[in-house]
C-alpha atoms as a PDB file:
ATOM      1  CA  MET A   1       0.000   0.000   0.000  1.00  0.00           C
ATOM      2  CA  ARG A   2       1.367   3.400  -0.961  1.00  0.00           C
ATOM      3  CA  LYS A   3       1.616   6.070   1.699  1.00  0.00           C
ATOM      4  CA  ILE A   4       2.879   9.595   2.260  1.00  0.00           C
ATOM      5  CA  VAL A   5       6.633   9.796   2.808  1.00  0.00           C
ATOM      6  CA  HIS A   6       8.026  12.316   5.294  1.00  0.00           C
ATOM      7  CA  THR A   7      11.737  12.173   5.952  1.00  0.00           C
ATOM      8  CA  ARG A   8      14.741  14.334   6.751  1.00  0.00           C
ATOM      9  CA  MET A   9      18.119  14.453   5.040  1.00  0.00           C
ATOM     10  CA  GLU A  10      19.939  13.145   8.120  1.00  0.00           C
ATOM     11  CA  LYS A  11      17.740  10.021   8.096  1.00  0.00           C
ATOM     12  CA  ILE A  12      18.632   9.060   4.514  1.00  0.00           C
ATOM     13  CA  VAL A  13      21.304   6.387   4.158  1.00  0.00           C
ATOM     14  CA  PRO A  14      23.936   7.581   1.644  1.00  0.00           C
ATOM     15  CA  GLN A  15      25.014   5.364  -1.239  1.00  0.00           C
ATOM     16  CA  GLU A  16      28.619   5.772  -2.422  1.00  0.00           C
ATOM     17  CA  ARG A  17      28.780   5.009  -6.142  1.00  0.00           C
ATOM     18  CA  GLY A  18      30.798   5.394  -9.306  1.00  0.00           C
ATOM     19  CA  ASP A  19      33.799   3.812 -10.985  1.00  0.00           C
ATOM     20  CA  GLY A  20      36.446   5.329  -8.691  1.00  0.00           C
ATOM     21  CA  GLY A  21      37.846   7.410 -11.561  1.00  0.00           C
ATOM     22  CA  SER A  22      35.971  10.158 -13.375  1.00  0.00           C
ATOM     23  CA  TYR A  23      32.616   9.027 -11.968  1.00  0.00           C
ATOM     24  CA  VAL A  24      32.365   9.329  -8.186  1.00  0.00           C
ATOM     25  CA  TYR A  25      29.318  10.471  -6.231  1.00  0.00           C
ATOM     26  CA  THR A  26      27.152  10.021  -3.185  1.00  0.00           C
ATOM     27  CA  ARG A  27      23.429   9.471  -3.748  1.00  0.00           C
ATOM     28  CA  TYR A  28      20.855  10.080  -1.021  1.00  0.00           C
ATOM     29  CA  PRO A  29      17.560   8.468  -2.132  1.00  0.00           C
ATOM     30  CA  ALA A  30      14.806  10.717  -0.781  1.00  0.00           C
ATOM     31  CA  LEU A  31      12.093   8.148  -1.487  1.00  0.00           C
ATOM     32  CA  PRO A  32      12.475   4.583  -0.211  1.00  0.00           C
ATOM     33  CA  GLU A  33      12.558   1.982  -2.985  1.00  0.00           C
ATOM     34  CA  GLY A  34       9.047   1.004  -4.019  1.00  0.00           C
ATOM     35  CA  SER A  35       7.343   3.944  -2.302  1.00  0.00           C
ATOM     36  CA  ALA A  36       6.550   5.743  -5.577  1.00  0.00           C
ATOM     37  CA  GLU A  37       5.229   4.275  -8.794  1.00  0.00           C
ATOM     38  CA  HIS A  38       5.873   7.096 -11.268  1.00  0.00           C
ATOM     39  CA  SER A  39       8.495   9.359  -9.681  1.00  0.00           C
ATOM     40  CA  ALA A  40      11.837   9.371  -7.903  1.00  0.00           C
ATOM     41  CA  ALA A  41      13.818  11.930  -5.943  1.00  0.00           C
ATOM     42  CA  ALA A  42      17.394  11.851  -4.715  1.00  0.00           C
ATOM     43  CA  PHE A  43      20.043  14.241  -3.476  1.00  0.00           C
ATOM     44  CA  TYR A  44      23.424  13.971  -5.175  1.00  0.00           C
ATOM     45  CA  GLU A  45      26.828  15.126  -4.004  1.00  0.00           C
ATOM     46  CA  LEU A  46      29.656  15.193  -6.556  1.00  0.00           C
ATOM     47  CA  PRO A  47      33.251  15.719  -5.402  1.00  0.00           C
ATOM     48  CA  PRO A  48      35.392  18.316  -7.204  1.00  0.00           C
ATOM     49  CA  GLY A  49      36.136  17.364 -10.807  1.00  0.00           C
ATOM     50  CA  LYS A  50      33.792  14.351 -10.805  1.00  0.00           C
ATOM     51  CA  ALA A  51      30.556  13.432 -12.597  1.00  0.00           C
ATOM     52  CA  ASN A  52      27.986  10.838 -11.620  1.00  0.00           C
ATOM     53  CA  TYR A  53      26.776   9.547 -15.005  1.00  0.00           C
ATOM     54  CA  PRO A  54      28.057   9.618 -18.578  1.00  0.00           C
ATOM     55  CA  TYR A  55      26.340  11.843 -21.154  1.00  0.00           C
ATOM     56  CA  HIS A  56      22.920  10.257 -21.689  1.00  0.00           C
ATOM     57  CA  TYR A  57      19.218  10.686 -22.311  1.00  0.00           C
ATOM     58  CA  HIS A  58      16.127   8.736 -21.340  1.00  0.00           C
ATOM     59  CA  LEU A  59      13.637   7.633 -23.996  1.00  0.00           C
ATOM     60  CA  THR A  60      10.526   8.141 -21.834  1.00  0.00           C
ATOM     61  CA  SER A  61      11.602   9.638 -18.491  1.00  0.00           C
ATOM     62  CA  GLU A  62      12.007  13.324 -17.651  1.00  0.00           C
ATOM     63  CA  GLU A  63      14.341  14.828 -15.052  1.00  0.00           C
ATOM     64  CA  ILE A  64      14.544  18.070 -13.082  1.00  0.00           C
ATOM     65  CA  PHE A  65      17.692  19.116 -11.213  1.00  0.00           C
ATOM     66  CA  TYR A  66      17.802  21.904  -8.633  1.00  0.00           C
ATOM     67  CA  ILE A  67      21.364  22.961  -7.787  1.00  0.00           C
ATOM     68  CA  ILE A  68      21.602  23.463  -4.015  1.00  0.00           C
ATOM     69  CA  SER A  69      25.289  24.402  -3.741  1.00  0.00           C
ATOM     70  CA  GLY A  70      28.446  24.467  -5.790  1.00  0.00           C
ATOM     71  CA  THR A  71      29.168  24.951  -9.474  1.00  0.00           C
ATOM     72  CA  GLY A  72      29.213  22.571 -12.383  1.00  0.00           C
ATOM     73  CA  THR A  73      29.560  22.139 -16.100  1.00  0.00           C
ATOM     74  CA  LEU A  74      26.443  20.908 -17.865  1.00  0.00           C
ATOM     75  CA  LYS A  75      26.893  19.204 -21.238  1.00  0.00           C
ATOM     76  CA  THR A  76      23.782  19.205 -23.486  1.00  0.00           C
ATOM     77  CA  PRO A  77      23.156  18.883 -27.239  1.00  0.00           C
ATOM     78  CA  GLU A  78      23.656  22.689 -27.424  1.00  0.00           C
ATOM     79  CA  GLY A  79      27.133  22.496 -25.890  1.00  0.00           C
ATOM     80  CA  GLU A  80      28.485  23.160 -22.400  1.00  0.00           C
ATOM     81  CA  ARG A  81      27.434  25.803 -19.890  1.00  0.00           C
ATOM     82  CA  GLU A  82      28.110  26.642 -16.260  1.00  0.00           C
ATOM     83  CA  VAL A  83      25.474  25.927 -13.623  1.00  0.00           C
ATOM     84  CA  ARG A  84      25.459  27.079 -10.017  1.00  0.00           C
ATOM     85  CA  ALA A  85      23.413  27.155  -6.818  1.00  0.00           C
ATOM     86  CA  GLY A  86      19.855  28.285  -7.451  1.00  0.00           C
ATOM     87  CA  ASP A  87      19.669  26.953 -11.034  1.00  0.00           C
ATOM     88  CA  LEU A  88      16.761  24.712 -12.055  1.00  0.00           C
ATOM     89  CA  LEU A  89      17.378  22.392 -15.002  1.00  0.00           C
ATOM     90  CA  PHE A  90      14.708  20.437 -16.905  1.00  0.00           C
ATOM     91  CA  PHE A  91      15.590  17.557 -19.213  1.00  0.00           C
ATOM     92  CA  PRO A  92      12.792  16.319 -21.480  1.00  0.00           C
ATOM     93  CA  ALA A  93      12.624  12.700 -22.606  1.00  0.00           C
ATOM     94  CA  GLY A  94      14.444  11.961 -25.829  1.00  0.00           C
ATOM     95  CA  GLU A  95      17.611  13.139 -27.522  1.00  0.00           C
ATOM     96  CA  ALA A  96      16.867  16.835 -26.846  1.00  0.00           C
ATOM     97  CA  GLY A  97      17.194  16.098 -23.113  1.00  0.00           C
ATOM     98  CA  ALA A  98      20.695  14.577 -23.260  1.00  0.00           C
ATOM     99  CA  HIS A  99      22.874  15.726 -20.376  1.00  0.00           C
ATOM    100  CA  LYS A 100      25.947  15.196 -18.219  1.00  0.00           C
ATOM    101  CA  LEU A 101      26.705  17.194 -15.072  1.00  0.00           C
ATOM    102  CA  THR A 102      30.286  17.512 -13.797  1.00  0.00           C
ATOM    103  CA  ASN A 103      31.499  19.372 -10.713  1.00  0.00           C
ATOM    104  CA  SER A 104      33.751  22.152 -12.054  1.00  0.00           C
ATOM    105  CA  SER A 105      35.089  23.262  -8.664  1.00  0.00           C
ATOM    106  CA  ASP A 106      38.603  22.511  -7.402  1.00  0.00           C
ATOM    107  CA  SER A 107      37.507  22.381  -3.770  1.00  0.00           C
ATOM    108  CA  GLU A 108      33.711  22.467  -3.219  1.00  0.00           C
ATOM    109  CA  PRO A 109      31.211  19.629  -3.646  1.00  0.00           C
ATOM    110  CA  LEU A 110      28.328  20.081  -6.094  1.00  0.00           C
ATOM    111  CA  VAL A 111      25.013  19.256  -4.401  1.00  0.00           C
ATOM    112  CA  TYR A 112      21.676  19.001  -6.168  1.00  0.00           C
ATOM    113  CA  ILE A 113      18.326  17.276  -5.954  1.00  0.00           C
ATOM    114  CA  ASP A 114      17.114  15.193  -8.878  1.00  0.00           C
ATOM    115  CA  PHE A 115      13.393  14.635  -9.497  1.00  0.00           C
ATOM    116  CA  ASP A 116      12.565  11.967 -12.105  1.00  0.00           C
ATOM    117  CA  THR A 117       9.520  10.530 -13.758  1.00  0.00           C
ATOM    118  CA  LEU A 118       9.788   6.756 -13.881  1.00  0.00           C
ATOM    119  CA  SER A 119       9.067   4.313 -16.641  1.00  0.00           C
ATOM    120  CA  ASP A 120       9.565   0.575 -16.460  1.00  0.00           C
ATOM    121  CA  PRO A 121      11.700  -0.299 -18.169  1.00  0.00           C
ATOM    122  CA  ASN A 122      13.820   2.828 -18.238  1.00  0.00           C
ATOM    123  CA  VAL A 123      15.780   2.979 -21.488  1.00  0.00           C
ATOM    124  CA  CYS A 124      18.854   5.248 -21.608  1.00  0.00           C
ATOM    125  CA  VAL A 125      20.959   6.078 -24.635  1.00  0.00           C
ATOM    126  CA  TYR A 126      24.643   6.995 -24.212  1.00  0.00           C
ATOM    127  CA  PRO A 127      25.621   8.909 -27.397  1.00  0.00           C
ATOM    128  CA  ASP A 128      29.335   9.377 -26.585  1.00  0.00           C
ATOM    129  CA  SER A 129      29.956   5.649 -26.088  1.00  0.00           C
ATOM    130  CA  ASN A 130      27.276   4.414 -28.514  1.00  0.00           C
ATOM    131  CA  LYS A 131      25.517   2.274 -25.896  1.00  0.00           C
ATOM    132  CA  VAL A 132      21.950   1.691 -24.737  1.00  0.00           C
ATOM    133  CA  GLY A 133      20.939   0.688 -21.214  1.00  0.00           C
ATOM    134  CA  ILE A 134      17.721  -1.046 -20.208  1.00  0.00           C
ATOM    135  CA  TYR A 135      16.843  -0.819 -16.518  1.00  0.00           C
ATOM    136  CA  GLY A 136      13.824  -2.208 -14.707  1.00  0.00           C
ATOM    137  CA  LYS A 137      12.762  -4.372 -11.841  1.00  0.00           C
ATOM    138  CA  ASP A 138      15.454  -7.071 -11.607  1.00  0.00           C
ATOM    139  CA  LEU A 139      16.884  -5.905 -14.965  1.00  0.00           C
ATOM    140  CA  ARG A 140      20.097  -4.044 -15.748  1.00  0.00           C
ATOM    141  CA  LYS A 141      21.443  -4.594 -19.253  1.00  0.00           C
ATOM    142  CA  ILE A 142      23.802  -2.384 -21.261  1.00  0.00           C
ATOM    143  CA  TYR A 143      24.544  -3.010 -24.936  1.00  0.00           C
ATOM    144  CA  ARG A 144      26.732  -1.508 -27.615  1.00  0.00           C
ATOM    145  CA  MET A 145      24.588  -0.140 -30.437  1.00  0.00           C
ATOM    146  CA  GLU A 146      26.702  -1.953 -33.047  1.00  0.00           C
ATOM    147  CA  ASP A 147      25.567  -5.270 -31.532  1.00  0.00           C
ATOM    148  CA  ASN A 148      22.204  -4.784 -33.232  1.00  0.00           C
ATOM    149  CA  VAL A 149      20.771  -8.067 -34.570  1.00  0.00           C
ATOM    150  CA  ASP A 150      17.953  -8.910 -36.955  1.00  0.00           C
ATOM    151  CA  TYR A 151      14.496  -9.032 -35.354  1.00  0.00           C
ATOM    152  CA  TYR A 152      14.111 -12.766 -36.200  1.00  0.00           C
ATOM    153  CA  ASP A 153      17.664 -13.735 -35.239  1.00  0.00           C
ATOM    154  CA  ARG A 154      17.600 -17.154 -33.440  1.00  0.00           C
ATOM    155  CA  GLU A 155      13.797 -17.374 -33.563  1.00  0.00           C
ATOM    156  CA  ASN A 156      13.606 -20.592 -35.622  1.00  0.00           C
ATOM    157  CA  GLY A 157      16.294 -22.659 -33.935  1.00  0.00           C
ATOM    158  CA  PRO A 158      19.527 -23.738 -35.595  1.00  0.00           C
ATOM    159  CA  ARG A 159      19.802 -23.688 -39.377  1.00  0.00           C
ATOM    160  CA  GLN A 160      19.793 -27.058 -41.140  1.00  0.00           C
ATOM    161  CA  ASP A 161      23.453 -26.705 -42.139  1.00  0.00           C
ATOM    162  CA  GLN A 162      24.398 -26.323 -38.452  1.00  0.00           C
ATOM    163  CA  MET A 163      22.898 -29.697 -37.454  1.00  0.00           C
END
């Protein structure tokens, strides 16, 4: 049964994530898993010089970021721009909403809250690395776009000459 969620930042358990290189961040999920059907909210903290996700867009989900503190570089299809505390950023679904946020400070963390609409599955496209990710309940698959196969590939069993 769904219910109203009321929490405080200090009660949220942080999740340290990333690859340990260019992508390092702490995520504070504001909504407990499964508490919302069509939306998500999380606080993010990016250390100086780090990003949390590669340049990407969602096929059906929208995102809104509100920058709480710090400065960053936002990459979009229109190029790069600086963002700072007080900025509100909206990313529509589809290629026009492609984005990557990187902390541009040498010493201060970049902190923002991310509000998302959810779709299941969530399909993300990563233009810089030519990948697609499919995420859903008990599903996390990432593919290279060049691995595309024919729609009927392997649908009729082995060919006669392979028997």
